Amino acid sequence: MDGDTGGSDRLASERIGAGDTGPPLVLLHGFAQDRRCWGPLAVELSRSRPVVAVDQPGHGGASDKAD
């Protein structure tokens, strides 16, 4: 799933699992990684709540940050 930030930057995100109770848990990766770094942990966490993993600008499926 791609998220629109309202400007020229594009974020890429993925909703993981079928959990739909409670507030979503948003997972952010570290430097030089992307949302895939969460792998099996995201699946495990999604058993009890919605999980969204996001690619930060310039990483994974997100566009580079505009100058």
Protein backbone atom coordinates (compact mmCIF):
# COMPACT_ATOMS: atom_id res chain seq x y z
CA MET A 1 0.00 0.00 0.00
CA ASP A 2 1.34 3.47 -0.78
CA GLY A 3 0.54 6.42 1.44
CA ASP A 4 0.16 9.95 0.13
CA THR A 5 1.82 12.54 2.35
CA GLY A 6 -0.02 15.39 0.63
CA GLY A 7 3.14 16.73 -1.03
CA SER A 8 5.60 15.47 -3.60
CA ASP A 9 7.10 12.85 -1.23
CA ARG A 10 5.63 9.35 -1.34
CA LEU A 11 5.74 6.92 1.55
CA ALA A 12 5.34 3.20 1.07
CA SER A 13 3.60 1.21 3.77
CA GLU A 14 2.23 -2.25 4.35
CA ARG A 15 -0.59 -3.33 6.63
CA ILE A 16 0.29 -6.69 8.13
CA GLY A 17 -2.05 -9.33 9.51
CA ALA A 18 -5.76 -9.32 10.16
CA GLY A 19 -5.71 -7.82 13.64
CA ASP A 20 -8.24 -5.01 13.85
CA THR A 21 -8.66 -4.35 17.54
CA GLY A 22 -6.98 -1.45 19.24
CA PRO A 23 -4.81 1.29 17.83
CA PRO A 24 -2.37 0.34 15.08
CA LEU A 25 1.27 -0.30 15.90
CA VAL A 26 3.46 1.63 13.44
CA LEU A 27 6.89 0.11 12.76
CA LEU A 28 9.70 2.38 11.53
CA HIS A 29 12.99 1.00 10.24
CA GLY A 30 16.51 2.25 10.96
CA PHE A 31 19.09 3.78 8.63
CA ALA A 32 19.79 1.88 5.39
CA GLN A 33 16.89 -0.55 5.93
CA ASP A 34 13.28 -0.77 4.76
CA ARG A 35 9.98 -2.12 6.08
CA ARG A 36 10.98 -5.71 5.28
CA CYS A 37 13.40 -5.70 8.24
CA TRP A 38 10.42 -6.40 10.53
CA GLY A 39 9.60 -9.73 8.80
CA PRO A 40 8.34 -12.42 11.19
CA LEU A 41 8.19 -10.03 14.15
CA ALA A 42 5.56 -7.91 12.37
CA VAL A 43 3.49 -11.02 11.67
CA GLU A 44 3.68 -12.08 15.32
CA LEU A 45 2.73 -8.60 16.57
CA SER A 46 -0.20 -8.44 14.14
CA ARG A 47 -1.95 -11.33 15.88
CA SER A 48 -3.20 -8.97 18.57
CA ARG A 49 -3.44 -5.60 16.83
CA PRO A 50 -3.18 -3.89 13.44
CA VAL A 51 0.43 -3.37 12.33
CA VAL A 52 1.65 -0.92 9.71
CA ALA A 53 5.28 -1.00 8.53
CA VAL A 54 6.45 2.17 6.77
CA ASP A 55 9.36 2.87 4.42
CA GLN A 56 10.86 6.24 5.31
CA PRO A 57 11.68 8.69 2.49
CA GLY A 58 14.53 7.46 0.29
CA HIS A 59 14.27 3.85 1.49
CA GLY A 60 12.51 0.77 0.07
CA GLY A 61 9.41 1.70 -1.91
CA ALA A 62 9.31 5.35 -0.77
CA SER A 63 10.43 8.18 -3.01
CA ASP A 64 13.46 10.29 -2.18
CA LYS A 65 12.77 13.32 -0.04
CA ALA A 66 12.22 16.40 -2.16
CA ASP A 67 14.80 19.20 -1.87
